[in-house]
Amino acid sequence: MTKISCRQICFIMLIYTAVSKFIIYPTYLSYYTGRDLLFSALINFAVQGVIVWSVSYLCSRTDKTFFGLLKDTFGNIFARIIFGLFALFFLLATINPLFEQKLYVHDIFYDTVPSLMIFLPVFFFLVYASAKPFLNIGRCADICLPLFLLSMLLILVMSLHEVKFDNFLPVFTQPKKIFSSSLASVFRFIEPAYLLMFMGRFRYKKGDAAKITISYIGGAVFVLVVLAAFYGIYGDVAPTRHFAISKISLFFPAIDLVGRIDLLALYVLEITMLFALVLNIQLAIECIAQCTGYENRAVLSVAVNAVFFLILIFCDNKYNAISTLFSKWMWIVFLIFANLIPLASWFLRKKNEED
């Protein structure tokens, strides 16, 4: 049953945690909380870090998959229903990042070409990558780690010298908005749900829970550094700057001499962003397969991505409405599936009856 290693899970927690929050999240926080954006992000990361540790540690108490825990506790039918709901959850969790990617790719790389046309090759990649078996998830993480570290090193080296830390003073000017924006951002934090899907699919060794949690904290640190660089550079005008990761390196002195050398790093980072997007779809397909018993992932990948493509067509230019819907209402769904259910999984039957 082992299909992924703890090392690869750590890479996923580090890389995908970070890249999934680089595009619109900094602009959103700077708009609602201003110079207190770091505190809002810290609340989310602290809560999620505890849940990540909880699920990771649960893996040391059982060798069952999450489906196996549900099946042994409530029966096969109930387990299939829950996995059907998780399939819908992962599909829902893909919608907002998908629109962010479309806007980001169009604005940063091909702003003179119609957005749907330039995003079409991305869909071919999504269809191909999403059809791969579960083992592929770990291999993709292995590929993404050096790409992520190299691109982030270049971007941060080109950015941090422009940060003005007095932009963050005074602090705690809007304490109520710190907590409200954290709640509205819950839909961006789904990493504990990933770990539920990885449960029982890797061989747990002593200390792995700490390694996974530290890796998640590492991803959080990268996000906090990007948030600090973004607001430290732009200050009060940060809410008007979209796609933060592409904006923080614009003032690097060498750009005036040799051109947009930062685009090379952004191209490399985009690869890891796409694999992070693929992970949601792969897990949705895995849940559909568990729920229905239908194992042809190629067919499922085509069907799922066709739905997403239709959503993009019919909801083109409606990202603001989608983002508002997610921040105002979808936090409830994500709170249940990425917070409450992972914690409640401790109450499932972890041992076999004969144990």
Protein backbone atom coordinates (compact mmCIF):
# COMPACT_ATOMS: atom_id res chain seq x y z
CA MET A 1 0.00 0.00 0.00
CA THR A 2 3.01 2.29 0.41
CA LYS A 3 2.82 4.74 -2.48
CA ILE A 4 4.52 7.83 -1.13
CA SER A 5 7.36 8.51 1.28
CA CYS A 6 7.50 10.81 4.29
CA ARG A 7 10.22 12.78 2.52
CA GLN A 8 7.86 13.50 -0.37
CA ILE A 9 5.05 14.48 2.00
CA CYS A 10 7.44 16.93 3.67
CA PHE A 11 8.25 18.42 0.26
CA ILE A 12 4.53 18.82 -0.48
CA MET A 13 3.93 20.51 2.86
CA LEU A 14 6.82 22.89 2.22
CA ILE A 15 6.35 23.71 -1.47
CA TYR A 16 2.62 23.54 -2.15
CA THR A 17 1.75 25.30 1.11
CA ALA A 18 3.81 28.25 -0.08
CA VAL A 19 3.09 28.51 -3.82
CA SER A 20 -0.67 28.21 -3.38
CA LYS A 21 -0.66 31.51 -1.47
CA PHE A 22 1.68 33.65 -3.59
CA ILE A 23 -0.69 35.12 -6.18
CA ILE A 24 -3.76 36.90 -4.74
CA TYR A 25 -3.52 36.15 -1.00
CA PRO A 26 -1.00 38.96 -0.23
CA THR A 27 -3.14 41.54 -2.05
CA TYR A 28 -6.25 40.34 -0.23
CA LEU A 29 -4.62 40.58 3.21
CA SER A 30 -3.09 43.99 2.49
CA TYR A 31 -6.53 45.28 1.47
CA TYR A 32 -8.38 44.05 4.56
CA THR A 33 -5.74 44.28 7.29
CA GLY A 34 -3.14 46.70 5.94
CA ARG A 35 0.15 46.62 7.82
CA ASP A 36 -1.21 43.92 10.16
CA LEU A 37 -1.36 41.31 7.38
CA LEU A 38 1.39 39.19 8.94
CA PHE A 39 -0.64 38.67 12.11
CA SER A 40 -3.68 37.53 10.14
CA ALA A 41 -1.58 34.98 8.24
CA LEU A 42 0.09 33.82 11.47
CA ILE A 43 -3.30 32.93 12.98
CA ASN A 44 -4.17 30.69 10.04
CA PHE A 45 -0.76 29.04 9.95
CA ALA A 46 -0.74 28.45 13.71
CA VAL A 47 -4.15 26.76 13.65
CA GLN A 48 -3.32 24.70 10.59
CA GLY A 49 0.07 23.77 12.00
CA VAL A 50 -1.58 22.21 15.05
CA ILE A 51 -3.99 20.23 12.85
CA VAL A 52 -1.15 19.14 10.54
CA TRP A 53 0.74 17.82 13.56
CA SER A 54 -2.40 16.11 14.87
CA VAL A 55 -3.06 14.21 11.62
CA SER A 56 0.65 13.43 11.19
CA TYR A 57 0.82 12.00 14.70
CA LEU A 58 -2.36 10.00 14.07
CA CYS A 59 -0.44 8.22 11.31
CA SER A 60 1.82 6.79 14.02
CA ARG A 61 -1.19 5.22 15.73
CA THR A 62 -2.55 3.30 12.73
CA ASP A 63 -1.42 1.86 9.45
CA LYS A 64 -4.89 2.21 7.92
CA THR A 65 -5.84 4.65 5.21
CA PHE A 66 -8.48 7.25 5.97
CA PHE A 67 -10.92 5.18 3.88
CA GLY A 68 -10.01 2.15 5.97
CA LEU A 69 -10.64 4.04 9.21
CA LEU A 70 -14.06 5.15 8.01
CA LYS A 71 -14.94 1.70 6.70
CA ASP A 72 -13.94 -0.11 9.90
CA THR A 73 -15.81 2.42 12.05
CA PHE A 74 -19.00 3.10 10.10
CA GLY A 75 -19.05 0.64 7.22
CA ASN A 76 -18.23 0.60 3.52
CA ILE A 77 -21.21 2.65 2.32
CA PHE A 78 -20.55 5.48 4.77
CA ALA A 79 -16.86 5.52 3.79
CA ARG A 80 -17.79 5.81 0.11
CA ILE A 81 -20.18 8.68 0.86
CA ILE A 82 -17.52 10.59 2.80
CA PHE A 83 -15.02 10.10 0.01
CA GLY A 84 -17.60 11.32 -2.47
CA LEU A 85 -17.96 14.46 -0.38
CA PHE A 86 -14.17 14.84 -0.22
CA ALA A 87 -14.05 14.53 -4.02
CA LEU A 88 -16.47 17.47 -4.23
CA PHE A 89 -14.38 19.30 -1.64
CA PHE A 90 -11.13 18.95 -3.60
CA LEU A 91 -12.92 19.97 -6.80
CA LEU A 92 -14.28 23.02 -5.00
CA ALA A 93 -10.80 23.77 -3.65
CA THR A 94 -9.49 23.81 -7.23
CA ILE A 95 -11.82 26.50 -8.57
CA ASN A 96 -10.32 29.61 -6.96
CA PRO A 97 -6.66 28.64 -7.62
CA LEU A 98 -7.59 27.79 -11.21
CA PHE A 99 -8.96 31.28 -11.83
CA GLU A 100 -5.96 32.81 -10.06
CA GLN A 101 -3.66 30.85 -12.34
CA LYS A 102 -5.52 31.97 -15.46
CA LEU A 103 -5.30 35.63 -14.46
CA TYR A 104 -1.68 35.29 -13.36
CA VAL A 105 -0.42 33.51 -16.49
CA HIS A 106 -2.22 35.97 -18.74
CA ASP A 107 -1.04 39.09 -16.92
CA ILE A 108 2.57 38.08 -16.32
CA PHE A 109 3.49 36.15 -19.44
CA TYR A 110 1.03 36.72 -22.30
CA ASP A 111 -1.00 39.87 -21.71
CA THR A 112 -1.52 40.53 -25.45
CA VAL A 113 -3.21 37.16 -26.16
CA PRO A 114 -6.81 36.23 -25.16
CA SER A 115 -6.64 34.65 -21.70
CA LEU A 116 -8.58 31.47 -22.52
CA MET A 117 -6.41 30.75 -25.54
CA ILE A 118 -3.13 31.00 -23.64
CA PHE A 119 -4.54 28.90 -20.80
CA LEU A 120 -5.55 26.05 -23.12
CA PRO A 121 -2.07 24.42 -23.02
CA VAL A 122 -2.32 24.45 -19.24
CA PHE A 123 -5.44 22.31 -19.50
CA PHE A 124 -3.65 19.76 -21.66
CA PHE A 125 -1.04 19.55 -18.89
CA LEU A 126 -3.74 19.22 -16.21
CA VAL A 127 -5.49 16.42 -18.09
CA TYR A 128 -2.22 14.53 -18.56
CA ALA A 129 -0.85 15.01 -15.04
CA SER A 130 -4.17 14.39 -13.25
CA ALA A 131 -4.51 10.99 -14.92
CA LYS A 132 -1.32 9.74 -13.30
CA PRO A 133 -1.58 7.28 -10.39
CA PHE A 134 -1.05 8.17 -6.75
CA LEU A 135 2.64 7.33 -6.90
CA ASN A 136 3.13 10.25 -9.29
CA ILE A 137 2.25 12.76 -6.54
CA GLY A 138 5.45 12.03 -4.64
CA ARG A 139 7.63 12.04 -7.74
CA CYS A 140 6.29 15.46 -8.73
CA ALA A 141 7.20 16.77 -5.28
CA ASP A 142 10.76 15.50 -5.75
CA ILE A 143 10.99 17.39 -9.05
CA CYS A 144 9.49 20.59 -7.64
CA LEU A 145 11.75 21.01 -4.60
CA PRO A 146 14.92 22.22 -6.39
CA LEU A 147 12.85 24.33 -8.80
CA PHE A 148 11.05 25.97 -5.89
CA LEU A 149 14.17 26.66 -3.85
CA LEU A 150 16.11 28.04 -6.81
CA SER A 151 13.33 30.36 -8.00
CA MET A 152 12.54 31.61 -4.48
CA LEU A 153 16.21 32.30 -3.79
CA LEU A 154 16.45 34.44 -6.92
CA ILE A 155 13.18 36.30 -6.28
CA LEU A 156 13.97 37.05 -2.64
CA VAL A 157 17.53 38.15 -3.39
CA MET A 158 16.11 40.61 -5.93
CA SER A 159 13.43 41.82 -3.50
CA LEU A 160 14.51 42.12 0.10
CA HIS A 161 16.88 45.07 -0.34
CA GLU A 162 13.88 47.28 -1.18
CA VAL A 163 11.83 46.44 1.91
CA LYS A 164 11.07 49.37 4.23
CA PHE A 165 10.13 47.99 7.62
CA ASP A 166 8.62 51.27 8.82
CA ASN A 167 5.71 50.46 6.50
CA PHE A 168 4.56 48.03 9.19
CA LEU A 169 4.28 50.67 11.93
CA PRO A 170 2.16 51.15 13.95
CA VAL A 171 0.93 47.59 14.51
CA PHE A 172 -2.49 46.31 15.61
CA THR A 173 -4.32 49.23 14.10
CA GLN A 174 -7.27 47.01 13.01
CA PRO A 175 -7.45 44.06 15.45
CA LYS A 176 -11.01 43.05 14.48
CA LYS A 177 -10.07 42.82 10.82
CA ILE A 178 -7.10 40.60 11.65
CA PHE A 179 -9.42 37.86 12.89
CA SER A 180 -12.16 38.39 10.31
CA SER A 181 -9.70 38.22 7.43
CA SER A 182 -8.19 35.06 8.92
CA LEU A 183 -11.61 33.44 8.95
CA ALA A 184 -12.34 34.60 5.41
CA SER A 185 -8.98 33.10 4.31
CA VAL A 186 -9.73 29.61 5.64
CA PHE A 187 -10.50 28.35 2.13
CA ARG A 188 -6.82 28.84 1.21
CA PHE A 189 -5.61 26.42 3.90
CA ILE A 190 -6.42 22.79 3.08
CA GLU A 191 -3.16 20.99 3.90
CA PRO A 192 -4.63 18.78 6.70
CA ALA A 193 -7.03 17.34 4.11
CA TYR A 194 -3.99 16.36 2.02
CA LEU A 195 -2.61 14.44 4.97
CA LEU A 196 -5.87 12.53 5.40
CA MET A 197 -5.47 11.27 1.84
CA PHE A 198 -1.82 10.34 2.49
CA MET A 199 -2.66 8.43 5.67
CA GLY A 200 -1.71 4.77 5.45
CA ARG A 201 0.08 5.31 2.14
CA PHE A 202 3.52 5.89 3.64
CA ARG A 203 5.58 3.94 6.15
CA TYR A 204 5.59 5.97 9.34
CA LYS A 205 8.84 6.16 11.29
CA LYS A 206 9.54 7.74 14.65
CA GLY A 207 9.78 11.51 14.35
CA ASP A 208 7.90 11.75 11.04
CA ALA A 209 5.11 13.85 12.59
CA ALA A 210 7.70 16.43 13.65
CA LYS A 211 9.32 16.38 10.21
CA ILE A 212 6.00 16.94 8.43
CA THR A 213 5.00 19.72 10.82
CA ILE A 214 8.38 21.46 10.50
CA SER A 215 8.07 21.25 6.72
CA TYR A 216 4.67 22.92 6.94
CA ILE A 217 6.17 25.62 9.14
CA GLY A 218 8.88 26.07 6.50
CA GLY A 219 6.21 26.68 3.86
CA ALA A 220 4.56 29.17 6.19
CA VAL A 221 7.85 31.02 6.63
CA PHE A 222 8.20 31.43 2.86
CA VAL A 223 4.69 32.89 2.69
CA LEU A 224 5.35 35.27 5.58
CA VAL A 225 8.59 36.45 3.98
CA VAL A 226 6.78 37.15 0.69
CA LEU A 227 4.03 39.00 2.59
CA ALA A 228 6.63 41.05 4.43
CA ALA A 229 8.50 41.85 1.23
CA PHE A 230 5.30 42.75 -0.63
CA TYR A 231 3.94 45.15 1.98
CA GLY A 232 7.40 46.38 2.94
CA ILE A 233 8.00 47.48 -0.65
CA TYR A 234 4.58 48.86 -1.56
CA GLY A 235 3.14 49.95 1.78
CA ASP A 236 -0.27 51.59 1.52
CA VAL A 237 -0.51 51.02 -2.23
CA ALA A 238 -0.10 47.22 -1.83
CA PRO A 239 -3.88 46.59 -2.17
CA THR A 240 -3.70 47.93 -5.73
CA ARG A 241 -0.93 45.53 -6.77
CA HIS A 242 -2.11 42.10 -7.89
CA PHE A 243 0.04 38.96 -8.31
CA ALA A 244 2.39 39.84 -5.45
CA ILE A 245 5.06 37.25 -6.22
CA SER A 246 5.67 38.90 -9.60
CA LYS A 247 5.76 42.43 -8.18
CA ILE A 248 8.27 42.21 -5.35
CA SER A 249 11.35 41.86 -7.58
CA LEU A 250 10.50 44.67 -10.01
CA PHE A 251 12.86 47.18 -8.36
CA PHE A 252 15.98 45.06 -8.59
CA PRO A 253 18.65 47.44 -10.02
CA ALA A 254 19.95 45.00 -12.65
CA ILE A 255 16.53 44.91 -14.36
CA ASP A 256 17.14 48.41 -15.75
CA LEU A 257 20.31 47.15 -17.43
CA VAL A 258 19.52 43.64 -18.65
CA GLY A 259 15.71 43.53 -18.67
CA ARG A 260 13.20 41.38 -16.76
CA ILE A 261 15.56 38.69 -15.54
CA ASP A 262 13.05 38.00 -12.76
CA LEU A 263 10.74 36.45 -15.36
CA LEU A 264 13.08 33.46 -15.57
CA ALA A 265 12.56 32.76 -11.88
CA LEU A 266 8.80 33.29 -12.26
CA TYR A 267 8.65 30.81 -15.14
CA VAL A 268 10.40 28.20 -13.00
CA LEU A 269 8.15 28.94 -10.02
CA GLU A 270 5.09 28.60 -12.26
CA ILE A 271 5.96 24.92 -12.76
CA THR A 272 5.59 24.26 -9.04
CA MET A 273 2.34 26.26 -8.96
CA LEU A 274 0.86 24.05 -11.67
CA PHE A 275 1.85 20.88 -9.82
CA ALA A 276 0.20 22.28 -6.68
CA LEU A 277 -2.96 22.79 -8.73
CA VAL A 278 -2.70 19.27 -10.13
CA LEU A 279 -2.53 17.82 -6.61
CA ASN A 280 -6.08 18.98 -5.85
CA ILE A 281 -7.39 17.36 -9.01
CA GLN A 282 -5.45 14.14 -8.45
CA LEU A 283 -6.85 13.82 -4.93
CA ALA A 284 -10.36 14.53 -6.21
CA ILE A 285 -9.97 11.77 -8.80
CA GLU A 286 -8.58 9.42 -6.14
CA CYS A 287 -11.63 10.11 -3.97
CA ILE A 288 -13.98 9.55 -6.92
CA ALA A 289 -12.27 6.21 -7.63
CA GLN A 290 -12.63 5.16 -3.98
CA CYS A 291 -16.24 6.28 -3.88
CA THR A 292 -17.41 4.68 -7.12
CA GLY A 293 -14.93 1.87 -7.62
CA TYR A 294 -14.24 3.16 -11.14
CA GLU A 295 -10.47 3.06 -11.61
CA ASN A 296 -9.94 4.51 -15.10
CA ARG A 297 -8.17 7.72 -14.09
CA ALA A 298 -7.65 8.86 -17.68
CA VAL A 299 -11.40 9.04 -18.25
CA LEU A 300 -11.95 10.69 -14.87
CA SER A 301 -9.22 13.25 -15.61
CA VAL A 302 -10.76 14.21 -18.94
CA ALA A 303 -14.22 14.51 -17.39
CA VAL A 304 -13.12 16.55 -14.38
CA ASN A 305 -10.95 18.94 -16.38
CA ALA A 306 -13.70 19.36 -18.98
CA VAL A 307 -15.96 20.58 -16.18
CA PHE A 308 -13.31 23.05 -15.05
CA PHE A 309 -12.83 24.28 -18.60
CA LEU A 310 -16.58 24.90 -18.94
CA ILE A 311 -16.55 26.77 -15.63
CA LEU A 312 -13.75 28.99 -16.92
CA ILE A 313 -15.67 29.69 -20.14
CA PHE A 314 -18.98 30.54 -18.49
CA CYS A 315 -17.45 32.41 -15.54
CA ASP A 316 -14.76 34.25 -17.48
CA ASN A 317 -14.19 37.77 -16.08
CA LYS A 318 -16.14 36.88 -12.93
CA TYR A 319 -13.22 36.21 -10.61
CA ASN A 320 -14.20 39.00 -8.18
CA ALA A 321 -17.61 37.40 -7.65
CA ILE A 322 -16.03 33.96 -7.17
CA SER A 323 -13.46 35.30 -4.73
CA THR A 324 -16.18 37.08 -2.75
CA LEU A 325 -18.28 33.92 -2.63
CA PHE A 326 -15.36 31.89 -1.28
CA SER A 327 -14.29 34.44 1.32
CA LYS A 328 -17.82 35.13 2.62
CA TRP A 329 -19.36 31.65 2.63
CA MET A 330 -17.03 28.84 1.62
CA TRP A 331 -14.97 29.13 4.79
CA ILE A 332 -17.71 27.02 6.40
CA VAL A 333 -17.11 24.10 4.02
CA PHE A 334 -13.33 24.34 4.34
CA LEU A 335 -13.53 24.61 8.11
CA ILE A 336 -15.39 21.29 8.16
CA PHE A 337 -13.28 19.32 5.68
CA ALA A 338 -9.81 20.75 6.37
CA ASN A 339 -10.13 21.38 10.11
CA LEU A 340 -12.93 19.56 11.93
CA ILE A 341 -12.87 16.24 10.08
CA PRO A 342 -9.06 15.86 10.36
CA LEU A 343 -9.33 16.45 14.11
CA ALA A 344 -12.36 14.17 14.44
CA SER A 345 -10.48 11.36 12.68
CA TRP A 346 -8.81 10.65 16.03
CA PHE A 347 -12.13 9.13 17.17
CA LEU A 348 -12.21 6.56 14.36
CA ARG A 349 -11.33 2.93 15.02
CA LYS A 350 -7.55 2.89 14.66
CA LYS A 351 -6.90 -0.74 15.58
CA ASN A 352 -8.22 -3.96 14.07
CA GLU A 353 -10.64 -5.89 16.26
CA GLU A 354 -8.13 -8.69 16.79
CA ASP A 355 -5.42 -6.24 17.97
